C-alpha atoms as a PDB file:
ATOM      1  CA  MET A   1       4.857  -4.810  -5.892  1.00  0.00           C
ATOM      2  CA  ASP A   2       5.837  -1.097  -4.942  1.00  0.00           C
ATOM      3  CA  GLU A   3       8.566  -0.528  -2.475  1.00  0.00           C
ATOM      4  CA  VAL A   4       7.754  -3.113  -0.110  1.00  0.00           C
ATOM      5  CA  SER A   5       9.346  -3.669   3.387  1.00  0.00           C
ATOM      6  CA  GLY A   6      10.953  -6.844   4.324  1.00  0.00           C
ATOM      7  CA  THR A   7       8.190  -7.364   6.777  1.00  0.00           C
ATOM      8  CA  GLU A   8       5.513  -7.139   4.086  1.00  0.00           C
ATOM      9  CA  ARG A   9       7.362  -9.683   1.832  1.00  0.00           C
ATOM     10  CA  GLU A  10       7.453 -11.909   4.581  1.00  0.00           C
ATOM     11  CA  LEU A  11       3.893 -11.683   5.193  1.00  0.00           C
ATOM     12  CA  GLY A  12       3.333 -12.340   1.716  1.00  0.00           C
ATOM     13  CA  LEU A  13       5.397 -15.447   1.799  1.00  0.00           C
ATOM     14  CA  LEU A  14       3.583 -16.501   4.726  1.00  0.00           C
ATOM     15  CA  GLU A  15       0.308 -16.014   3.238  1.00  0.00           C
ATOM     16  CA  GLU A  16       1.240 -17.724   0.073  1.00  0.00           C
ATOM     17  CA  ILE A  17       2.853 -20.769   1.696  1.00  0.00           C
ATOM     18  CA  ASN A  18      -0.220 -21.141   3.888  1.00  0.00           C
ATOM     19  CA  ARG A  19      -2.421 -21.074   0.814  1.00  0.00           C
ATOM     20  CA  ASP A  20      -0.324 -23.578  -1.300  1.00  0.00           C
ATOM     21  CA  SER A  21       2.478 -25.403   0.474  1.00  0.00           C
ATOM     22  CA  ASP A  22       3.427 -26.857  -3.011  1.00  0.00           C
ATOM     23  CA  THR A  23       4.317 -23.454  -4.371  1.00  0.00           C
ATOM     24  CA  SER A  24       7.900 -22.924  -5.826  1.00  0.00           C
ATOM     25  CA  GLN A  25      10.268 -20.205  -5.081  1.00  0.00           C
ATOM     26  CA  ALA A  26       9.648 -19.082  -8.655  1.00  0.00           C
ATOM     27  CA  THR A  27       6.083 -18.841  -8.225  1.00  0.00           C
ATOM     28  CA  LEU A  28       6.304 -16.937  -5.071  1.00  0.00           C
ATOM     29  CA  ALA A  29       8.752 -14.475  -6.648  1.00  0.00           C
ATOM     30  CA  ASP A  30       6.255 -13.943  -9.586  1.00  0.00           C
ATOM     31  CA  GLN A  31       3.299 -13.600  -7.187  1.00  0.00           C
ATOM     32  CA  LEU A  32       5.344 -11.016  -4.922  1.00  0.00           C
ATOM     33  CA  GLY A  33       6.918  -9.301  -7.825  1.00  0.00           C
ATOM     34  CA  VAL A  34      10.484  -9.835  -6.710  1.00  0.00           C
ATOM     35  CA  ALA A  35      13.423 -11.845  -7.623  1.00  0.00           C
ATOM     36  CA  VAL A  36      13.918 -15.466  -6.872  1.00  0.00           C
ATOM     37  CA  GLY A  37      16.798 -14.741  -4.727  1.00  0.00           C
ATOM     38  CA  THR A  38      14.925 -12.434  -2.472  1.00  0.00           C
ATOM     39  CA  VAL A  39      12.482 -15.105  -1.996  1.00  0.00           C
ATOM     40  CA  ASN A  40      15.232 -17.543  -1.142  1.00  0.00           C
ATOM     41  CA  TRP A  41      16.918 -15.082   1.346  1.00  0.00           C
ATOM     42  CA  HIS A  42      13.519 -14.526   3.273  1.00  0.00           C
ATOM     43  CA  LEU A  43      12.739 -18.208   3.121  1.00  0.00           C
ATOM     44  CA  LYS A  44      16.033 -19.143   4.670  1.00  0.00           C
ATOM     45  CA  ARG A  45      15.568 -16.618   7.372  1.00  0.00           C
ATOM     46  CA  LEU A  46      11.839 -17.930   8.196  1.00  0.00           C
ATOM     47  CA  ILE A  47      13.169 -21.432   8.330  1.00  0.00           C
ATOM     48  CA  ALA A  48      16.066 -20.599  10.456  1.00  0.00           C
ATOM     49  CA  LYS A  49      13.819 -18.690  12.873  1.00  0.00           C
ATOM     50  CA  GLY A  50      11.499 -21.725  12.912  1.00  0.00           C
ATOM     51  CA  TYR A  51       8.385 -19.991  11.221  1.00  0.00           C
ATOM     52  CA  VAL A  52       8.684 -22.300   8.211  1.00  0.00           C
ATOM     53  CA  LYS A  53       9.600 -25.992   7.661  1.00  0.00           C
ATOM     54  CA  VAL A  54      10.595 -27.387   4.382  1.00  0.00           C
ATOM     55  CA  LYS A  55      10.454 -31.133   3.298  1.00  0.00           C
ATOM     56  CA  ARG A  56      11.504 -32.578   0.167  1.00  0.00           C
ATOM     57  CA  ALA A  57       8.405 -33.889  -1.778  1.00  0.00           C
ATOM     58  CA  GLU A  58      10.191 -34.994  -4.925  1.00  0.00           C
ATOM     59  CA  ARG A  59      13.876 -35.088  -6.011  1.00  0.00           C
ATOM     60  CA  LYS A  60      13.902 -31.488  -6.852  1.00  0.00           C
ATOM     61  CA  LYS A  61      10.345 -30.504  -5.406  1.00  0.00           C
ATOM     62  CA  LEU A  62      10.271 -28.777  -1.925  1.00  0.00           C
ATOM     63  CA  ARG A  63       7.152 -28.276   0.227  1.00  0.00           C
ATOM     64  CA  TYR A  64       6.990 -25.468   2.695  1.00  0.00           C
ATOM     65  CA  PHE A  65       4.748 -25.506   5.773  1.00  0.00           C
ATOM     66  CA  LEU A  66       4.051 -22.929   8.358  1.00  0.00           C
ATOM     67  CA  THR A  67       4.981 -23.974  11.964  1.00  0.00           C
ATOM     68  CA  PRO A  68       2.726 -22.954  14.872  1.00  0.00           C
ATOM     69  CA  GLU A  69       4.955 -20.048  15.454  1.00  0.00           C
ATOM     70  CA  GLY A  70       4.784 -19.212  11.734  1.00  0.00           C
ATOM     71  CA  ILE A  71       1.087 -19.060  11.855  1.00  0.00           C
ATOM     72  CA  ALA A  72       1.241 -16.762  15.040  1.00  0.00           C
ATOM     73  CA  LEU A  73       3.806 -14.544  13.105  1.00  0.00           C
ATOM     74  CA  ARG A  74       1.446 -14.339  10.103  1.00  0.00           C
ATOM     75  CA  ALA A  75      -1.371 -13.139  12.438  1.00  0.00           C
ATOM     76  CA  ARG A  76       1.064 -10.398  14.119  1.00  0.00           C
ATOM     77  CA  LEU A  77       2.346  -9.191  10.713  1.00  0.00           C
ATOM     78  CA  THR A  78      -1.313  -8.994   9.335  1.00  0.00           C
ATOM     79  CA  VAL A  79      -2.497  -7.152  12.395  1.00  0.00           C
ATOM     80  CA  ALA A  80       0.565  -4.772  12.037  1.00  0.00           C
ATOM     81  CA  TYR A  81      -0.138  -4.304   8.401  1.00  0.00           C
ATOM     82  CA  ILE A  82      -3.685  -3.410   8.878  1.00  0.00           C
ATOM     83  CA  GLU A  83      -2.880  -0.978  11.833  1.00  0.00           C
ATOM     84  CA  ASN A  84      -0.238   0.840   9.576  1.00  0.00           C
ATOM     85  CA  SER A  85      -2.652   1.030   6.593  1.00  0.00           C
ATOM     86  CA  MET A  86      -5.364   2.587   8.845  1.00  0.00           C
ATOM     87  CA  THR A  87      -2.970   5.001  10.326  1.00  0.00           C
ATOM     88  CA  LEU A  88      -1.966   6.158   6.746  1.00  0.00           C
ATOM     89  CA  TYR A  89      -5.623   6.182   5.634  1.00  0.00           C
ATOM     90  CA  ARG A  90      -6.471   8.495   8.654  1.00  0.00           C
ATOM     91  CA  ARG A  91      -3.591  10.807   8.059  1.00  0.00           C
ATOM     92  CA  THR A  92      -4.353  10.983   4.393  1.00  0.00           C
ATOM     93  CA  ARG A  93      -8.032  11.709   5.220  1.00  0.00           C
ATOM     94  CA  ASP A  94      -6.913  14.461   7.759  1.00  0.00           C
ATOM     95  CA  SER A  95      -4.509  16.025   5.142  1.00  0.00           C
ATOM     96  CA  ALA A  96      -7.266  16.159   2.388  1.00  0.00           C
ATOM     97  CA  HIS A  97      -9.735  17.619   5.001  1.00  0.00           C
ATOM     98  CA  LYS A  98      -7.240  20.526   5.698  1.00  0.00           C
ATOM     99  CA  VAL A  99      -6.539  21.158   1.926  1.00  0.00           C
ATOM    100  CA  ILE A 100     -10.341  21.138   1.390  1.00  0.00           C
ATOM    101  CA  ALA A 101     -10.981  23.643   4.259  1.00  0.00           C
ATOM    102  CA  LEU A 102      -8.287  25.928   3.036  1.00  0.00           C
ATOM    103  CA  ALA A 103      -9.367  25.804  -0.476  1.00  0.00           C
ATOM    104  CA  ARG A 104     -13.002  26.514   0.578  1.00  0.00           C
ATOM    105  CA  ARG A 105     -11.827  29.607   2.878  1.00  0.00           C
ATOM    106  CA  ARG A 106      -9.784  30.828  -0.222  1.00  0.00           C
ATOM    107  CA  GLY A 107     -13.041  31.022  -2.306  1.00  0.00           C
ATOM    108  CA  TYR A 108     -12.482  27.821  -4.511  1.00  0.00           C
ATOM    109  CA  ASP A 109     -15.592  26.090  -5.677  1.00  0.00           C
ATOM    110  CA  GLY A 110     -13.689  22.806  -6.444  1.00  0.00           C
ATOM    111  CA  ILE A 111     -10.460  20.792  -6.495  1.00  0.00           C
ATOM    112  CA  ARG A 112      -8.490  19.037  -9.084  1.00  0.00           C
ATOM    113  CA  ILE A 113      -6.496  16.218  -7.810  1.00  0.00           C
ATOM    114  CA  GLU A 114      -2.913  15.736  -9.238  1.00  0.00           C
ATOM    115  CA  GLY A 115      -1.499  12.399  -8.546  1.00  0.00           C
ATOM    116  CA  ASP A 116      -2.720   8.835  -8.743  1.00  0.00           C
ATOM    117  CA  GLY A 117      -2.733   5.892  -6.547  1.00  0.00           C
ATOM    118  CA  ASP A 118      -4.299   4.983  -3.313  1.00  0.00           C
ATOM    119  CA  ILE A 119      -3.412   8.241  -1.712  1.00  0.00           C
ATOM    120  CA  ALA A 120      -5.064  10.261  -4.504  1.00  0.00           C
ATOM    121  CA  ASP A 121      -8.151   7.920  -4.121  1.00  0.00           C
ATOM    122  CA  VAL A 122      -8.416   8.497  -0.409  1.00  0.00           C
ATOM    123  CA  CYS A 123      -8.354  12.271  -1.225  1.00  0.00           C
ATOM    124  CA  ARG A 124     -10.911  12.038  -3.901  1.00  0.00           C
ATOM    125  CA  LEU A 125     -13.269  10.058  -1.777  1.00  0.00           C
ATOM    126  CA  THR A 126     -12.836  12.617   0.976  1.00  0.00           C
ATOM    127  CA  SER A 127     -13.583  15.435  -1.155  1.00  0.00           C
ATOM    128  CA  LEU A 128     -16.766  13.855  -2.365  1.00  0.00           C
ATOM    129  CA  GLU A 129     -17.696  12.801   0.953  1.00  0.00           C
ATOM    130  CA  VAL A 130     -17.589  16.419   2.326  1.00  0.00           C
ATOM    131  CA  GLY A 131     -19.314  17.744  -0.818  1.00  0.00           C
ATOM    132  CA  PHE A 132     -16.533  19.505  -2.298  1.00  0.00           C
ATOM    133  CA  PRO A 133     -16.529  18.569  -6.060  1.00  0.00           C
ATOM    134  CA  VAL A 134     -13.482  17.079  -7.720  1.00  0.00           C
ATOM    135  CA  VAL A 135     -13.025  18.516 -11.136  1.00  0.00           C
ATOM    136  CA  ASP A 136     -11.010  17.719 -14.169  1.00  0.00           C
ATOM    137  CA  GLY A 137      -8.765  20.156 -16.139  1.00  0.00           C
ATOM    138  CA  HIS A 138     -11.872  21.802 -17.951  1.00  0.00           C
ATOM    139  CA  HIS A 139     -13.705  23.248 -14.857  1.00  0.00           C
ATOM    140  CA  GLU A 140     -15.766  26.457 -15.475  1.00  0.00           C
ATOM    141  CA  GLY A 141     -15.370  27.671 -11.813  1.00  0.00           C
ATOM    142  CA  SER A 142     -12.421  28.387  -9.765  1.00  0.00           C
ATOM    143  CA  ALA A 143     -10.530  25.152  -8.655  1.00  0.00           C
ATOM    144  CA  ALA A 144      -7.532  24.700  -6.453  1.00  0.00           C
ATOM    145  CA  VAL A 145      -5.144  21.904  -6.999  1.00  0.00           C
ATOM    146  CA  MET A 146      -4.561  19.129  -4.561  1.00  0.00           C
ATOM    147  CA  GLU A 147      -1.211  17.619  -5.338  1.00  0.00           C
ATOM    148  CA  ILE A 148      -0.070  14.260  -4.012  1.00  0.00           C
ATOM    149  CA  HIS A 149       3.576  14.004  -3.302  1.00  0.00           C
ATOM    150  CA  GLY A 150       4.284  10.581  -2.103  1.00  0.00           C
ATOM    151  CA  TYR A 151       2.236  10.500   1.124  1.00  0.00           C
ATOM    152  CA  ASP A 152       2.096  14.223   1.324  1.00  0.00           C
ATOM    153  CA  VAL A 153      -1.205  16.000   0.264  1.00  0.00           C
ATOM    154  CA  VAL A 154      -0.826  19.856  -0.491  1.00  0.00           C
ATOM    155  CA  LEU A 155      -2.707  22.655  -1.699  1.00  0.00           C
ATOM    156  CA  LYS A 156      -1.426  24.257  -4.973  1.00  0.00           C
ATOM    157  CA  GLU A 157      -3.339  27.272  -5.992  1.00  0.00           C
ATOM    158  CA  PRO A 158      -3.839  28.112  -9.689  1.00  0.00           C
ATOM    159  CA  GLU A 159      -1.576  31.149  -9.691  1.00  0.00           C
ATOM    160  CA  GLU A 160       1.378  28.860  -8.437  1.00  0.00           C
ATOM    161  CA  ILE A 161       0.705  26.558 -11.556  1.00  0.00           C
ATOM    162  CA  LEU A 162       1.192  29.522 -13.874  1.00  0.00           C
ATOM    163  CA  GLU A 163       4.632  30.508 -12.320  1.00  0.00           C
END
């Protein structure tokens, strides 16, 4: 996983435990892309707070269960995650709209997007939605560049690229 907050890790753990109570810490670590020690630390916190119960299934095998409080926490974390994602999506679309409007005012007939990932995908879709062509490096007309820097979207004009 990319840089993920502890809250998102806990949500991932709660979802995986809900899906499969027989899962192991090693399997959870693989699925979440973190170290087993990280999973262990989060699980201990979730157990201590009463969100997860653990029972011994076999000599070395543990089973994890969500408590009613854990189910409620999972629901709250899911809603918060969706709200945060939608806020980021709206902010990215707004930034892309502003960059496209500026590029149009400056006379460009297309935009090249530098960057990748979800933010670049939202910018690409926003450009296509408003009818502003997304071009590759071999565009015949004049194209500005929309640069993605983390969560920031900026216009970089061709003359700036040559400097």
